[in-house]
Protein backbone atom coordinates (compact mmCIF):
# COMPACT_ATOMS: atom_id res chain seq x y z
CA UNK A 1 0.00 0.00 0.00
CA UNK A 2 1.19 3.54 -0.70
CA UNK A 3 2.52 5.30 2.37
CA UNK A 4 0.20 8.31 2.05
CA UNK A 5 -2.84 6.03 1.77
CA UNK A 6 -1.70 3.94 4.76
CA UNK A 7 -1.15 7.04 6.89
CA UNK A 8 -4.50 8.51 5.88
CA UNK A 9 -6.37 5.27 6.56
CA UNK A 10 -4.98 4.69 10.04
CA UNK A 11 -4.08 8.12 11.47
CA UNK A 12 -7.19 10.23 10.87
CA UNK A 13 -5.28 12.56 8.53
CA UNK A 14 -6.70 13.44 5.15
CA UNK A 15 -4.74 12.22 2.15
CA UNK A 16 -3.50 15.79 1.54
CA UNK A 17 -2.38 16.15 5.18
CA UNK A 18 -0.68 12.75 5.05
CA UNK A 19 1.36 13.77 2.01
CA UNK A 20 2.41 16.99 3.75
CA UNK A 21 3.71 15.35 6.94
CA UNK A 22 5.54 12.70 4.90
CA UNK A 23 7.30 15.36 2.81
CA UNK A 24 8.20 17.22 6.02
CA UNK A 25 10.09 14.15 7.25
CA UNK A 26 7.74 13.43 10.15
CA UNK A 27 7.11 9.79 9.16
CA UNK A 28 9.37 6.81 9.82
CA UNK A 29 8.98 3.38 8.19
CA UNK A 30 10.86 0.61 9.99
CA UNK A 31 12.96 3.34 11.62
CA UNK A 32 13.89 5.10 8.37
CA UNK A 33 12.63 8.54 7.36
CA UNK A 34 10.54 8.35 4.18
CA UNK A 35 9.70 11.58 2.38
CA UNK A 36 8.07 10.10 -0.73
CA UNK A 37 4.26 9.82 -0.24
CA UNK A 38 4.00 7.36 -3.16
CA UNK A 39 6.42 4.87 -1.59
CA UNK A 40 4.87 1.41 -1.31
CA UNK A 41 5.30 -0.21 2.09
CA UNK A 42 5.06 -3.86 3.13
CA UNK A 43 2.12 -5.21 5.10
CA UNK A 44 4.49 -5.87 8.01
CA UNK A 45 6.02 -2.36 8.01
CA UNK A 46 6.21 -0.42 11.29
CA UNK A 47 5.07 3.15 10.69
CA UNK A 48 5.52 6.09 13.07
CA UNK A 49 4.23 9.64 12.75
CA UNK A 50 5.49 12.30 15.16
CA UNK A 51 6.80 9.53 17.43
CA UNK A 52 3.46 7.67 17.55
CA UNK A 53 2.87 4.22 16.07
CA UNK A 54 0.35 4.19 13.24
CA UNK A 55 -1.39 0.85 12.64
CA UNK A 56 -4.82 -0.63 11.95
CA UNK A 57 -7.06 -0.67 15.00
CA UNK A 58 -7.50 -4.43 14.74
CA UNK A 59 -9.93 -6.87 13.14
CA UNK A 60 -13.33 -5.47 12.21
CA UNK A 61 -16.63 -7.31 12.24
CA UNK A 62 -19.96 -6.01 10.92
CA UNK A 63 -23.49 -7.21 10.28
CA UNK A 64 -25.41 -5.73 7.36
CA UNK A 65 -29.08 -5.99 6.46
CA UNK A 66 -28.64 -6.60 2.74
CA UNK A 67 -31.31 -5.14 0.44
CA UNK A 68 -32.38 -6.52 -2.93
CA UNK A 69 -30.23 -5.46 -5.88
CA UNK A 70 -26.79 -5.58 -4.23
CA UNK A 71 -24.14 -8.21 -4.86
CA UNK A 72 -21.77 -9.67 -2.28
CA UNK A 73 -18.58 -8.85 -4.16
CA UNK A 74 -15.79 -6.34 -3.68
CA UNK A 75 -16.25 -5.07 -7.24
CA UNK A 76 -18.89 -5.53 -9.92
CA UNK A 77 -19.17 -3.72 -13.23
CA UNK A 78 -22.95 -4.16 -13.55
CA UNK A 79 -24.44 -4.00 -10.05
CA UNK A 80 -23.86 -2.09 -6.79
CA UNK A 81 -22.01 -4.06 -4.13
CA UNK A 82 -22.70 -4.37 -0.41
CA UNK A 83 -19.42 -2.56 0.26
CA UNK A 84 -20.89 0.61 -1.23
CA UNK A 85 -23.25 0.65 1.76
CA UNK A 86 -20.35 0.88 4.23
CA UNK A 87 -18.83 4.12 5.47
CA UNK A 88 -15.51 2.67 6.58
CA UNK A 89 -11.84 3.19 5.82
CA UNK A 90 -9.79 0.61 3.94
CA UNK A 91 -12.82 -1.09 2.38
CA UNK A 92 -10.49 -3.17 0.20
CA UNK A 93 -9.41 -5.32 3.15
CA UNK A 94 -12.98 -6.35 4.05
CA UNK A 95 -14.62 -9.58 2.89
CA UNK A 96 -18.11 -11.06 3.03
CA UNK A 97 -18.41 -14.11 5.31
CA UNK A 98 -21.23 -15.98 3.62
CA UNK A 99 -22.52 -14.51 0.37
CA UNK A 100 -26.15 -13.92 -0.64
CA UNK A 101 -27.62 -13.75 -4.15
CA UNK A 102 -28.52 -10.38 -5.63
CA UNK A 103 -32.25 -10.94 -4.98
CA UNK A 104 -31.81 -12.38 -1.46
CA UNK A 105 -32.07 -10.09 1.57
CA UNK A 106 -31.01 -10.20 5.20
CA UNK A 107 -27.99 -10.97 7.31
CA UNK A 108 -24.55 -10.54 5.76
CA UNK A 109 -21.39 -10.70 7.88
CA UNK A 110 -18.39 -8.62 6.82
CA UNK A 111 -14.89 -8.78 8.30
CA UNK A 112 -11.18 -8.37 7.65
CA UNK A 113 -10.37 -11.34 9.91
CA UNK A 114 -9.63 -14.16 7.49
CA UNK A 115 -9.50 -16.92 10.10
CA UNK A 116 -12.87 -15.89 11.57
CA UNK A 117 -14.31 -15.75 8.06
CA UNK A 118 -13.10 -19.31 7.48
CA UNK A 119 -14.75 -20.53 10.68
CA UNK A 120 -18.04 -19.01 9.54
CA UNK A 121 -17.98 -20.36 5.99
CA UNK A 122 -16.00 -23.62 6.04
CA UNK A 123 -18.16 -26.66 5.20
CA UNK A 124 -16.37 -28.55 7.97
CA UNK A 125 -17.76 -26.28 10.70
CA UNK A 126 -21.40 -26.77 9.57
CA UNK A 127 -22.58 -23.45 10.98
CA UNK A 128 -26.37 -23.18 10.93
CA UNK A 129 -27.87 -20.64 8.53
CA UNK A 130 -31.54 -19.79 8.98
CA UNK A 131 -33.73 -18.41 6.20
CA UNK A 132 -37.32 -17.24 5.93
CA UNK A 133 -38.73 -18.35 2.59
CA UNK A 134 -41.80 -17.17 0.68
CA UNK A 135 -42.97 -19.78 -1.83
CA UNK A 136 -45.02 -19.61 -5.00
CA UNK A 137 -47.13 -22.66 -4.07
CA UNK A 138 -48.43 -24.02 -0.74
CA UNK A 139 -45.96 -26.37 0.89
CA UNK A 140 -46.92 -29.99 1.44
CA UNK A 141 -46.74 -30.91 5.15
CA UNK A 142 -44.66 -33.95 4.21
CA UNK A 143 -41.87 -31.62 3.06
CA UNK A 144 -40.50 -31.33 6.61
CA UNK A 145 -39.68 -35.04 6.63
CA UNK A 146 -38.14 -34.79 3.17
CA UNK A 147 -35.84 -31.97 4.27
CA UNK A 148 -34.89 -33.92 7.40
CA UNK A 149 -33.69 -36.78 5.17
CA UNK A 150 -31.86 -34.47 2.78
CA UNK A 151 -32.96 -33.35 -0.67
CA UNK A 152 -31.50 -34.74 -3.89
CA UNK A 153 -30.74 -31.61 -5.89
CA UNK A 154 -30.82 -31.62 -9.66
CA UNK A 155 -27.38 -32.40 -11.14
CA UNK A 156 -26.20 -33.78 -7.76
CA UNK A 157 -25.43 -37.43 -7.02
CA UNK A 158 -25.81 -37.23 -3.22
CA UNK A 159 -28.56 -35.80 -1.08
CA UNK A 160 -27.97 -32.54 0.74
CA UNK A 161 -27.27 -32.65 4.44
CA UNK A 162 -30.37 -32.94 6.62
CA UNK A 163 -32.14 -29.60 7.11
CA UNK A 164 -34.89 -28.39 9.43
CA UNK A 165 -38.07 -27.03 7.85
CA UNK A 166 -40.63 -25.15 9.94
CA UNK A 167 -43.91 -24.38 8.21
CA UNK A 168 -45.14 -20.92 9.24
CA UNK A 169 -48.00 -20.54 6.73
CA UNK A 170 -49.11 -22.40 3.60
CA UNK A 171 -46.56 -20.52 1.46
CA UNK A 172 -44.06 -19.39 4.11
CA UNK A 173 -41.42 -21.50 5.87
CA UNK A 174 -38.31 -21.14 7.97
CA UNK A 175 -35.40 -23.29 6.80
CA UNK A 176 -32.20 -24.14 8.71
CA UNK A 177 -29.23 -25.35 6.64
CA UNK A 178 -25.85 -26.68 7.74
CA UNK A 179 -24.10 -26.31 4.39
CA UNK A 180 -23.91 -23.76 1.60
CA UNK A 181 -24.21 -25.16 -1.90
CA UNK A 182 -24.69 -22.82 -4.86
CA UNK A 183 -28.28 -21.45 -4.87
CA UNK A 184 -29.09 -24.24 -2.44
CA UNK A 185 -32.38 -22.99 -0.98
CA UNK A 186 -33.86 -22.29 -4.41
CA UNK A 187 -32.66 -25.63 -5.76
CA UNK A 188 -34.09 -27.56 -2.79
CA UNK A 189 -37.58 -26.19 -3.33
CA UNK A 190 -37.25 -26.58 -7.09
CA UNK A 191 -36.60 -30.29 -6.46
CA UNK A 192 -40.03 -30.36 -4.79
CA UNK A 193 -41.61 -28.58 -7.77
CA UNK A 194 -41.95 -25.29 -5.92
CA UNK A 195 -40.45 -21.85 -6.53
CA UNK A 196 -38.85 -19.40 -4.09
CA UNK A 197 -40.38 -15.94 -4.48
CA UNK A 198 -38.58 -14.23 -1.58
CA UNK A 199 -35.58 -15.33 0.46
CA UNK A 200 -34.36 -13.61 3.63
CA UNK A 201 -31.50 -14.77 5.89
CA UNK A 202 -32.26 -14.26 9.58
CA UNK A 203 -29.32 -15.88 11.32
CA UNK A 204 -25.82 -17.35 10.96
CA UNK A 205 -24.76 -19.58 13.87
CA UNK A 206 -25.38 -17.52 17.02
CA UNK A 207 -25.60 -14.17 15.22
CA UNK A 208 -29.16 -12.93 14.61
CA UNK A 209 -29.93 -10.04 12.28
CA UNK A 210 -30.62 -6.95 14.38
CA UNK A 211 -34.29 -6.05 13.88
CA UNK A 212 -33.42 -2.36 14.31
CA UNK A 213 -31.34 -2.38 11.12
CA UNK A 214 -33.30 -1.17 8.11
CA UNK A 215 -32.36 -2.60 4.69
CA UNK A 216 -28.97 -1.17 3.74
CA UNK A 217 -27.97 -0.35 7.33
CA UNK A 218 -25.15 -2.02 9.25
CA UNK A 219 -23.46 -2.02 12.65
CA UNK A 220 -20.38 -3.48 14.32
CA UNK A 221 -20.77 -6.87 15.94
CA UNK A 222 -20.62 -7.07 19.71
CA UNK A 223 -17.84 -9.07 21.39
CA UNK A 224 -20.41 -11.72 22.36
CA UNK A 225 -21.59 -12.04 18.75
CA UNK A 226 -18.02 -12.39 17.47
CA UNK A 227 -17.26 -15.12 20.01
CA UNK A 228 -20.54 -16.93 19.39
CA UNK A 229 -19.15 -18.32 16.12
CA UNK A 230 -16.80 -20.52 18.15
CA UNK A 231 -19.48 -21.37 20.73
CA UNK A 232 -22.07 -22.53 18.21
């Protein structure tokens, strides 16, 4: 990363102010004075400004209530991304922990902690993901037993892992998954000759979408929510 960008991101200085203090000789990188704002520094570099260490504050963890029409990607040439909803520095270092389709709403976790992200998304950890689903056709009561046995998805040779289906209304259900295949929820109901009209994620492991967050809003996770990934 360029030195002026690094200093601006982690010191509170504007980019213009960062360039000025660098040119004045007030910034040390690994003990050496650097006066070129465009100098690229290593991720492990130790940076000091006016005798004070300048470094990222630490891992960041957010929950976002994703609206329809946004993609869970860092960049997209055709659609807005969830990162455009964030007002944070150093957006480039953040990643989505558990993507949602463009037309799916609800809980998205965002972090710059790669190990935590892996614990959330790894198939080996089998973290529960809970969705509220609006269907095109009334659901057959026998569907709960079918989901409990696993659903054979089209183009798959093995059934999905067992899932829990709670019928809330004739065309509305709550589904708990312990895996994350491509378009899995939609494909599971398609295998039962039904169609998902609306899909909303309510929960990942022990983290529940904050009901006070309007679509497009986000907040930092609490310490208890961050730790709940390992407790679940």
